[in-house]
Amino acid sequence: MSYQHKVDKNKIPLCNILGVDIAAINMDWLVDFTQKNIKNLSGNYMCVSNVHTTVMAYENKYYCDIQNGGIMAIPDGGPLSSVGRSRGYNQMARTTGPDFLREILRISKENEYKHYFYGSTQDTLEKLRIKINQEFPGVQITGMYSPPFRSLTHEENLQIVDIINRSAPDFIWVGLGAPKQEQWMAQHQGKVSGFMVGVGAAFDYFAGNIKRAPMWMQKNNMEWLHRLVQDPKRLFIRYFKTNSKFVLNAVIRGK
């Protein structure tokens, strides 16, 4: 990747967990950092990392390089921040993609931030637009795009990049799910105007397709259980495999 970072990554506190440099930060730090650097973050990306993506990166060097190739990877998963604190990063706290999106939307009108949303279905994007306009009136949405369930042709990709760049967003929110969204951001690093953030299921949360866990579950690192109950077929095997690997390698072996 030839992209040159315009922001000094050395100023970001990092905790290496299973080979992934997880930012040892909290939400206040992240919002402040973003506000101070948003113009220089254009063309760069940020990964929203959890146990699943971290274990995937541990087992796949290409994906690990992508996780480490953006400006930072934030600790969306509670176990990541817990491991970080156990290693001496006392201020490290869970910073989720949906929460970061909400915080940025909350301050967008006063800062005149513009937003582009890439991913999910057209129906979800329409619900998302309505919810944002209701909850954060005056926020500028410069565009939304639901990509087809296939790889874009070279011509299609050039066209969507041109559309995004002409809309001149400050933020490009990418909701394709892992690892697809991180791969997309890495492939477009330095090619799009706007700060790319891969927020996973945040589009569905905001659109009302999925309900978030109660706050007490979020604060106690139990949101995974709430999601498991909602989607047991898809998530049971994934959680069983990745969580056990994470505990063995990150918690017990200290990697």
Protein backbone atom coordinates (compact mmCIF):
# COMPACT_ATOMS: atom_id res chain seq x y z
CA MET A 1 0.00 0.00 0.00
CA SER A 2 1.64 3.25 -1.13
CA TYR A 3 -0.70 5.63 0.70
CA GLN A 4 1.20 8.15 2.81
CA HIS A 5 -0.41 8.95 6.16
CA LYS A 6 -0.99 12.70 6.61
CA VAL A 7 -1.44 12.21 10.35
CA ASP A 8 1.38 10.97 12.59
CA LYS A 9 0.34 7.48 13.73
CA ASN A 10 3.04 7.57 16.41
CA LYS A 11 0.83 9.92 18.42
CA ILE A 12 -1.82 7.20 18.77
CA PRO A 13 -1.37 4.91 21.81
CA LEU A 14 -1.41 1.30 20.63
CA CYS A 15 -1.81 -2.08 22.29
CA ASN A 16 -0.76 -4.99 20.10
CA ILE A 17 -3.24 -7.86 20.47
CA LEU A 18 -2.67 -10.97 18.34
CA GLY A 19 -0.64 -8.89 15.90
CA VAL A 20 -3.24 -6.13 15.50
CA ASP A 21 -2.31 -2.65 16.75
CA ILE A 22 -5.49 -1.79 18.63
CA ALA A 23 -5.78 1.88 19.60
CA ALA A 24 -5.61 2.16 23.40
CA ILE A 25 -8.15 4.97 23.52
CA ASN A 26 -11.65 5.91 24.65
CA MET A 27 -14.52 7.67 22.89
CA ASP A 28 -13.70 11.18 24.12
CA TRP A 29 -10.14 10.81 22.84
CA LEU A 30 -11.34 9.47 19.49
CA VAL A 31 -13.89 12.21 18.86
CA ASP A 32 -11.37 14.91 19.80
CA PHE A 33 -8.70 13.35 17.57
CA THR A 34 -11.14 13.11 14.67
CA GLN A 35 -12.26 16.71 14.97
CA LYS A 36 -8.68 17.99 15.09
CA ASN A 37 -7.51 15.90 12.11
CA ILE A 38 -10.55 15.33 9.89
CA LYS A 39 -9.17 17.18 6.85
CA ASN A 40 -5.89 15.25 6.99
CA LEU A 41 -7.75 11.95 7.44
CA SER A 42 -9.31 12.25 3.98
CA GLY A 43 -8.40 9.20 1.90
CA ASN A 44 -7.50 7.17 4.97
CA TYR A 45 -9.52 4.57 6.86
CA MET A 46 -10.23 3.30 10.35
CA CYS A 47 -11.08 -0.26 11.29
CA VAL A 48 -13.64 -1.01 13.98
CA SER A 49 -12.20 -4.16 15.49
CA ASN A 50 -13.66 -6.89 17.68
CA VAL A 51 -12.71 -10.41 18.77
CA HIS A 52 -13.84 -11.90 15.45
CA THR A 53 -11.79 -9.55 13.24
CA THR A 54 -8.76 -9.76 15.53
CA VAL A 55 -8.71 -13.56 15.43
CA MET A 56 -9.18 -13.45 11.64
CA ALA A 57 -6.19 -11.10 11.41
CA TYR A 58 -4.14 -13.40 13.67
CA GLU A 59 -4.75 -16.25 11.23
CA ASN A 60 -4.41 -14.25 7.99
CA LYS A 61 -1.40 -11.96 7.42
CA TYR A 62 -3.06 -10.16 4.49
CA TYR A 63 -6.03 -9.21 6.64
CA CYS A 64 -3.73 -8.30 9.54
CA ASP A 65 -1.85 -5.90 7.25
CA ILE A 66 -5.19 -4.33 6.31
CA GLN A 67 -6.16 -3.94 9.98
CA ASN A 68 -2.84 -2.22 10.64
CA GLY A 69 -2.75 -0.29 7.36
CA GLY A 70 -5.23 2.45 8.20
CA ILE A 71 -4.88 5.29 10.66
CA MET A 72 -5.95 2.98 13.51
CA ALA A 73 -8.09 0.03 14.59
CA ILE A 74 -10.40 0.92 17.48
CA PRO A 75 -11.57 -1.52 20.19
CA ASP A 76 -15.20 -2.15 19.30
CA GLY A 77 -15.15 -5.43 21.21
CA GLY A 78 -15.19 -5.21 25.01
CA PRO A 79 -12.66 -8.05 25.44
CA LEU A 80 -10.10 -6.02 23.45
CA SER A 81 -10.27 -3.08 25.84
CA SER A 82 -10.27 -5.46 28.82
CA VAL A 83 -7.05 -7.09 27.57
CA GLY A 84 -5.60 -3.64 26.96
CA ARG A 85 -6.32 -2.48 30.49
CA SER A 86 -4.80 -5.70 31.87
CA ARG A 87 -1.63 -4.78 29.98
CA GLY A 88 -1.40 -1.35 31.53
CA TYR A 89 -3.47 0.83 29.19
CA ASN A 90 -5.75 2.08 31.93
CA GLN A 91 -7.66 4.62 29.81
CA MET A 92 -8.55 2.08 27.11
CA ALA A 93 -12.31 1.63 26.75
CA ARG A 94 -14.71 0.04 24.31
CA THR A 95 -15.40 2.37 21.37
CA THR A 96 -18.05 0.87 19.12
CA GLY A 97 -18.74 1.73 15.51
CA PRO A 98 -22.42 2.61 16.11
CA ASP A 99 -21.50 4.82 19.07
CA PHE A 100 -18.79 6.63 17.10
CA LEU A 101 -21.20 7.21 14.21
CA ARG A 102 -23.75 8.64 16.64
CA GLU A 103 -21.18 10.91 18.30
CA ILE A 104 -20.03 12.28 14.94
CA LEU A 105 -23.61 12.81 13.73
CA ARG A 106 -24.35 14.67 16.98
CA ILE A 107 -21.65 17.27 16.26
CA SER A 108 -22.00 17.31 12.47
CA LYS A 109 -24.32 20.28 12.03
CA GLU A 110 -22.15 22.66 14.04
CA ASN A 111 -19.02 21.44 12.23
CA GLU A 112 -20.70 21.26 8.80
CA TYR A 113 -19.55 17.67 8.32
CA LYS A 114 -20.83 15.91 5.22
CA HIS A 115 -21.51 12.18 5.07
CA TYR A 116 -21.60 9.42 2.45
CA PHE A 117 -22.98 5.95 3.27
CA TYR A 118 -21.71 2.92 1.34
CA GLY A 119 -23.14 -0.57 1.86
CA SER A 120 -26.18 -2.55 2.98
CA THR A 121 -29.46 -2.64 1.01
CA GLN A 122 -31.38 0.21 -0.57
CA ASP A 123 -34.24 -0.35 1.85
CA THR A 124 -31.93 -0.11 4.87
CA LEU A 125 -30.27 3.02 3.49
CA GLU A 126 -33.66 4.71 3.06
CA LYS A 127 -34.61 3.85 6.65
CA LEU A 128 -31.21 5.10 7.76
CA ARG A 129 -31.70 8.43 5.99
CA ILE A 130 -35.10 8.92 7.62
CA LYS A 131 -33.79 8.08 11.10
CA ILE A 132 -30.80 10.43 10.77
CA ASN A 133 -32.98 13.28 9.51
CA GLN A 134 -35.36 12.74 12.41
CA GLU A 135 -32.73 12.46 15.14
CA PHE A 136 -30.11 14.84 13.74
CA PRO A 137 -31.94 17.43 11.61
CA GLY A 138 -29.66 19.48 9.42
CA VAL A 139 -26.99 16.80 8.97
CA GLN A 140 -25.70 16.79 5.39
CA ILE A 141 -25.93 13.41 3.64
CA THR A 142 -24.18 13.81 0.29
CA GLY A 143 -25.02 10.33 -0.98
CA MET A 144 -25.83 6.70 -0.30
CA TYR A 145 -24.97 3.62 -2.35
CA SER A 146 -26.02 0.01 -2.02
CA PRO A 147 -23.52 -2.08 -4.00
CA PRO A 148 -24.69 -5.23 -5.80
CA PHE A 149 -24.10 -8.67 -4.27
CA ARG A 150 -21.18 -9.27 -6.63
CA SER A 151 -17.83 -7.68 -7.32
CA LEU A 152 -18.03 -4.35 -9.11
CA THR A 153 -16.47 -4.18 -12.55
CA HIS A 154 -13.50 -1.87 -12.95
CA GLU A 155 -15.69 0.66 -14.75
CA GLU A 156 -18.39 0.50 -12.06
CA ASN A 157 -15.81 1.03 -9.35
CA LEU A 158 -14.33 4.06 -11.09
CA GLN A 159 -17.82 5.46 -11.47
CA ILE A 160 -18.73 5.12 -7.79
CA VAL A 161 -15.37 6.57 -6.72
CA ASP A 162 -16.05 9.56 -8.97
CA ILE A 163 -19.54 9.97 -7.50
CA ILE A 164 -18.19 9.86 -3.95
CA ASN A 165 -15.40 12.32 -4.69
CA ARG A 166 -17.70 14.77 -6.44
CA SER A 167 -19.99 14.74 -3.40
CA ALA A 168 -16.95 15.75 -1.28
CA PRO A 169 -17.88 14.04 2.02
CA ASP A 170 -15.89 14.40 5.21
CA PHE A 171 -16.88 10.88 6.29
CA ILE A 172 -17.50 7.76 4.22
CA TRP A 173 -19.32 5.23 6.42
CA VAL A 174 -18.81 1.70 5.09
CA GLY A 175 -21.27 -1.01 6.14
CA LEU A 176 -20.29 -4.17 4.29
CA GLY A 177 -19.46 -6.40 7.24
CA ALA A 178 -16.05 -7.88 8.03
CA PRO A 179 -13.76 -8.64 6.29
CA LYS A 180 -15.32 -7.16 3.17
CA GLN A 181 -15.55 -3.60 4.44
CA GLU A 182 -11.91 -3.49 5.55
CA GLN A 183 -10.77 -4.90 2.21
CA TRP A 184 -12.85 -2.27 0.38
CA MET A 185 -11.39 0.56 2.45
CA ALA A 186 -7.81 -0.65 1.95
CA GLN A 187 -8.37 -0.93 -1.80
CA HIS A 188 -9.65 2.65 -1.90
CA GLN A 189 -7.09 4.18 0.44
CA GLY A 190 -5.82 7.38 -1.16
CA LYS A 191 -8.41 7.11 -3.96
CA VAL A 192 -11.47 8.60 -2.31
CA SER A 193 -12.02 11.98 -0.69
CA GLY A 194 -13.30 11.42 2.82
CA PHE A 195 -12.40 9.52 5.98
CA MET A 196 -13.53 5.89 5.61
CA VAL A 197 -14.87 4.14 8.71
CA GLY A 198 -16.01 0.51 8.56
CA VAL A 199 -18.97 0.37 10.94
CA GLY A 200 -20.37 -3.11 10.28
CA ALA A 201 -23.92 -3.48 11.56
CA ALA A 202 -24.32 0.21 12.47
CA PHE A 203 -26.55 0.82 9.44
CA ASP A 204 -28.94 -1.91 10.61
CA TYR A 205 -28.93 -0.56 14.17
CA PHE A 206 -29.78 2.96 13.07
CA ALA A 207 -32.37 1.74 10.56
CA GLY A 208 -34.08 -0.29 13.26
CA ASN A 209 -33.45 -3.67 11.60
CA ILE A 210 -31.50 -4.89 14.65
CA LYS A 211 -31.99 -3.85 18.24
CA ARG A 212 -28.90 -3.06 20.30
CA ALA A 213 -28.40 -4.69 23.65
CA PRO A 214 -29.56 -2.86 26.80
CA MET A 215 -26.94 -0.47 28.20
CA TRP A 216 -26.15 -2.75 31.15
CA MET A 217 -25.20 -5.54 28.73
CA GLN A 218 -23.06 -3.16 26.66
CA LYS A 219 -21.21 -1.94 29.74
CA ASN A 220 -20.54 -5.50 30.93
CA ASN A 221 -19.14 -6.80 27.61
CA MET A 222 -22.29 -8.88 27.00
CA GLU A 223 -23.56 -7.35 23.76
CA TRP A 224 -22.30 -10.45 21.96
CA LEU A 225 -24.84 -12.51 23.94
CA HIS A 226 -27.66 -10.21 22.89
CA ARG A 227 -26.64 -10.58 19.23
CA LEU A 228 -26.31 -14.35 19.63
CA VAL A 229 -29.89 -14.62 20.89
CA GLN A 230 -31.08 -12.56 17.91
CA ASP A 231 -29.15 -14.57 15.30
CA PRO A 232 -28.09 -17.94 16.82
CA LYS A 233 -27.77 -19.87 13.54
CA ARG A 234 -25.19 -17.53 12.06
CA LEU A 235 -23.33 -16.52 15.19
CA PHE A 236 -23.10 -19.59 17.44
CA ILE A 237 -20.29 -21.39 15.59
CA ARG A 238 -18.48 -18.10 14.92
CA TYR A 239 -18.53 -17.05 18.54
CA PHE A 240 -17.56 -20.49 19.80
CA LYS A 241 -14.54 -20.72 17.51
CA THR A 242 -13.26 -17.16 17.66
CA ASN A 243 -13.93 -16.53 21.36
CA SER A 244 -12.11 -19.71 22.42
CA LYS A 245 -9.13 -18.86 20.18
CA PHE A 246 -9.06 -15.32 21.57
CA VAL A 247 -9.10 -16.49 25.19
CA LEU A 248 -6.38 -19.08 24.55
CA ASN A 249 -4.03 -16.83 22.59
CA ALA A 250 -4.67 -13.28 23.82
CA VAL A 251 -5.69 -13.88 27.44
CA ILE A 252 -3.83 -17.03 28.48
CA ARG A 253 -0.76 -16.88 26.20
CA GLY A 254 -0.64 -13.07 26.21
CA LYS A 255 -0.08 -12.68 22.48
